[in-house]
Amino acid sequence: MAVTVNIPKNADAITLSQFIKFKTSPNDLHKIMAITGKSKEVVSKWQTATVQQILDTFEVSCNTGGNKLMREIRIDGQLLAFMPDLNVMTLAEHIELETFAGQIWNEEGELIGYQHLPNLMAVMYRPIKERVGKFYKLKEYDPDTVPEYIEYVKEMPLSAVNGALVFFSTIGQELGSSSLQYLQKKLEEAMKEARS
């Protein structure tokens, strides 16, 4: 019996939920089930060469495609938007981002806590509360209301998740670099002042 399997060609066609299921699966059988949506009974009868080809293709797909920041995403009728102004981020948002990032990456920068990615994205992407033209205000971040839209977040395309993560890592590097430059400048000024 021939079985047709559709494997996403790039990160635009992979949902965050599918990616997490794939990455947290305990073995190849469960990974194939996450990729294809096929049952254990069906997948367990496939040849190992076929399984390996699907796994390899999916891995390539996860790393193929854009990682451009998407300001707005519509998922099943729900419009989610990216934080419009990082300069007005609340302390709660900052703490949550830092906490979830600490649960996702280890000290070496390796991604280890895949299951926390939706929580991180739910801080960055939220429903729009008000809109005037292209400008919008997000619903205030409240951990108690995240369950209202977390299922939509889980259906975000992996490319959008990658774009948000690249954006934040770039901002973090720039801020770190700027802070070091600022501290260096202040140190030099203090040393000049001390010499005079």
Protein backbone atom coordinates (compact mmCIF):
# COMPACT_ATOMS: atom_id res chain seq x y z
CA MET A 1 0.00 0.00 0.00
CA ALA A 2 1.47 3.34 -1.07
CA VAL A 3 1.27 6.24 1.35
CA THR A 4 1.58 9.84 0.24
CA VAL A 5 3.53 12.10 2.56
CA ASN A 6 3.77 15.86 2.27
CA ILE A 7 6.95 17.22 3.79
CA PRO A 8 7.23 20.99 4.23
CA LYS A 9 9.71 22.51 1.80
CA ASN A 10 10.80 25.37 4.09
CA ALA A 11 10.30 27.02 7.47
CA ASP A 12 7.28 28.95 6.15
CA ALA A 13 5.34 25.66 5.98
CA ILE A 14 6.36 24.36 9.42
CA THR A 15 4.41 25.45 12.47
CA LEU A 16 6.07 26.16 15.80
CA SER A 17 4.02 23.32 17.29
CA GLN A 18 5.21 20.84 14.64
CA PHE A 19 8.82 21.94 15.14
CA ILE A 20 8.59 21.47 18.92
CA LYS A 21 7.00 18.02 18.56
CA PHE A 22 9.78 17.04 16.17
CA LYS A 23 12.60 18.35 18.36
CA THR A 24 11.23 16.90 21.61
CA SER A 25 10.34 13.49 20.21
CA PRO A 26 12.15 10.67 22.01
CA ASN A 27 12.94 8.71 18.84
CA ASP A 28 12.70 8.61 15.06
CA LEU A 29 9.28 6.94 15.12
CA HIS A 30 7.77 9.85 17.04
CA LYS A 31 9.67 12.39 14.93
CA ILE A 32 8.19 10.90 11.75
CA MET A 33 4.73 10.99 13.34
CA ALA A 34 5.25 14.69 14.15
CA ILE A 35 6.37 15.48 10.61
CA THR A 36 3.75 13.49 8.71
CA GLY A 37 0.79 13.33 11.06
CA LYS A 38 0.61 9.60 10.35
CA SER A 39 -0.18 7.05 13.06
CA LYS A 40 2.32 4.84 14.83
CA GLU A 41 0.84 1.81 13.10
CA VAL A 42 1.44 3.30 9.65
CA VAL A 43 4.90 4.78 10.31
CA SER A 44 6.30 1.70 12.03
CA LYS A 45 5.93 -0.26 8.76
CA TRP A 46 8.07 2.13 6.70
CA GLN A 47 11.57 1.23 5.58
CA THR A 48 14.42 2.82 7.50
CA ALA A 49 15.78 4.42 4.31
CA THR A 50 12.44 6.16 3.79
CA VAL A 51 12.36 7.30 7.41
CA GLN A 52 15.89 8.68 7.18
CA GLN A 53 15.10 10.51 3.95
CA ILE A 54 12.05 12.16 5.56
CA LEU A 55 14.05 13.12 8.67
CA ASP A 56 16.87 14.61 6.59
CA THR A 57 14.45 16.51 4.34
CA PHE A 58 12.58 17.94 7.32
CA GLU A 59 15.81 19.08 9.02
CA VAL A 60 16.80 20.90 5.83
CA SER A 61 13.31 22.43 5.60
CA CYS A 62 13.60 23.78 9.16
CA ASN A 63 16.71 25.68 8.10
CA THR A 64 15.45 26.77 4.68
CA GLY A 65 13.49 29.90 4.01
CA GLY A 66 13.25 33.30 5.53
CA ASN A 67 13.90 34.53 8.99
CA LYS A 68 12.56 38.00 8.34
CA LEU A 69 10.75 39.68 11.19
CA MET A 70 7.01 39.58 10.53
CA ARG A 71 5.26 42.53 12.19
CA GLU A 72 1.81 40.98 11.85
CA ILE A 73 0.62 37.40 11.42
CA ARG A 74 -2.92 36.18 10.89
CA ILE A 75 -3.53 32.64 12.10
CA ASP A 76 -6.98 31.08 11.75
CA GLY A 77 -8.56 34.55 11.80
CA GLN A 78 -6.59 35.77 14.84
CA LEU A 79 -4.27 38.70 14.14
CA LEU A 80 -1.10 38.72 16.24
CA ALA A 81 1.43 41.52 16.06
CA PHE A 82 5.02 41.96 17.16
CA MET A 83 5.90 44.35 19.98
CA PRO A 84 5.85 47.73 18.19
CA ASP A 85 8.32 49.63 20.37
CA LEU A 86 10.96 47.89 22.45
CA ASN A 87 11.78 51.17 24.20
CA VAL A 88 8.47 51.02 26.07
CA MET A 89 8.74 47.37 27.09
CA THR A 90 7.41 46.89 30.60
CA LEU A 91 9.44 45.35 33.38
CA ALA A 92 7.10 42.34 33.36
CA GLU A 93 7.70 41.79 29.63
CA HIS A 94 11.45 42.11 30.09
CA ILE A 95 11.49 39.65 33.00
CA GLU A 96 9.34 37.14 31.12
CA LEU A 97 11.53 37.36 28.00
CA GLU A 98 14.66 36.88 30.08
CA THR A 99 13.13 34.01 32.06
CA PHE A 100 11.91 32.11 29.00
CA ALA A 101 15.19 32.71 27.18
CA GLY A 102 16.99 31.19 30.16
CA GLN A 103 14.76 28.13 29.91
CA ILE A 104 15.30 27.80 26.15
CA TRP A 105 19.06 28.26 25.74
CA ASN A 106 21.89 26.92 27.88
CA GLU A 107 25.04 28.91 28.73
CA GLU A 108 26.73 27.72 25.51
CA GLY A 109 23.84 29.16 23.47
CA GLU A 110 22.44 25.76 22.51
CA LEU A 111 18.68 25.45 22.13
CA ILE A 112 17.53 22.98 24.79
CA GLY A 113 14.08 24.01 26.05
CA TYR A 114 12.01 23.87 22.86
CA GLN A 115 8.76 23.55 24.80
CA HIS A 116 9.19 27.12 26.15
CA LEU A 117 9.32 28.75 22.69
CA PRO A 118 5.54 29.40 22.55
CA ASN A 119 5.71 31.27 25.88
CA LEU A 120 8.55 33.44 24.60
CA MET A 121 6.66 34.15 21.37
CA ALA A 122 3.48 34.96 23.36
CA VAL A 123 5.36 37.83 25.00
CA MET A 124 6.60 39.12 21.64
CA TYR A 125 3.41 38.52 19.61
CA ARG A 126 0.02 39.44 21.04
CA PRO A 127 -3.44 40.42 19.80
CA ILE A 128 -3.87 44.03 18.69
CA LYS A 129 -5.88 46.14 21.12
CA GLU A 130 -6.11 49.37 19.07
CA ARG A 131 -5.12 50.35 15.56
CA VAL A 132 -4.74 53.65 13.72
CA GLY A 133 -3.54 53.12 10.16
CA LYS A 134 -0.34 51.11 10.24
CA PHE A 135 0.22 51.85 13.93
CA TYR A 136 -1.12 49.56 16.61
CA LYS A 137 -1.16 48.99 20.33
CA LEU A 138 -0.97 45.44 21.61
CA LYS A 139 -3.06 43.92 24.31
CA GLU A 140 -1.08 44.38 27.52
CA TYR A 141 1.05 41.40 28.45
CA ASP A 142 -0.48 39.41 31.28
CA PRO A 143 0.62 35.81 31.91
CA ASP A 144 -2.95 35.01 33.01
CA THR A 145 -4.38 35.92 29.58
CA VAL A 146 -1.77 34.09 27.48
CA PRO A 147 -3.96 30.94 27.34
CA GLU A 148 -6.48 33.02 25.33
CA TYR A 149 -4.10 33.17 22.36
CA ILE A 150 -1.27 30.66 22.96
CA GLU A 151 -2.80 28.11 20.56
CA TYR A 152 -2.53 30.68 17.76
CA VAL A 153 1.09 31.33 18.71
CA LYS A 154 1.84 27.61 18.43
CA GLU A 155 0.59 27.71 14.83
CA MET A 156 2.97 30.51 13.81
CA PRO A 157 5.26 29.61 10.93
CA LEU A 158 8.75 28.65 12.04
CA SER A 159 10.14 31.35 9.72
CA ALA A 160 8.34 34.03 11.79
CA VAL A 161 9.71 32.54 15.01
CA ASN A 162 13.21 32.53 13.53
CA GLY A 163 12.78 36.15 12.41
CA ALA A 164 11.76 37.27 15.90
CA LEU A 165 14.66 35.36 17.47
CA VAL A 166 17.18 36.81 15.02
CA PHE A 167 15.79 40.29 15.65
CA PHE A 168 16.11 39.93 19.42
CA SER A 169 19.58 38.40 19.25
CA THR A 170 20.74 41.26 17.00
CA ILE A 171 19.25 43.86 19.34
CA GLY A 172 20.87 42.10 22.31
CA GLN A 173 24.28 42.11 20.63
CA GLU A 174 23.94 45.77 19.68
CA LEU A 175 22.89 46.72 23.19
CA GLY A 176 25.77 44.74 24.66
CA SER A 177 28.20 46.35 22.26
CA SER A 178 26.79 49.85 22.92
CA SER A 179 26.94 49.28 26.66
CA LEU A 180 30.57 48.19 26.44
CA GLN A 181 31.43 51.19 24.29
CA TYR A 182 29.62 53.49 26.70
CA LEU A 183 31.42 52.00 29.69
CA GLN A 184 34.77 52.23 27.90
CA LYS A 185 34.14 55.91 27.11
CA LYS A 186 33.12 56.68 30.72
CA LEU A 187 36.17 54.83 32.04
CA GLU A 188 38.48 56.82 29.76
CA GLU A 189 36.82 60.08 30.84
CA ALA A 190 37.18 59.14 34.50
CA MET A 191 40.87 58.27 34.01
CA LYS A 192 41.54 61.61 32.25
CA GLU A 193 39.78 63.43 35.05
CA ALA A 194 41.80 61.56 37.68
CA ARG A 195 45.08 62.50 35.95
CA SER A 196 44.26 66.22 35.87
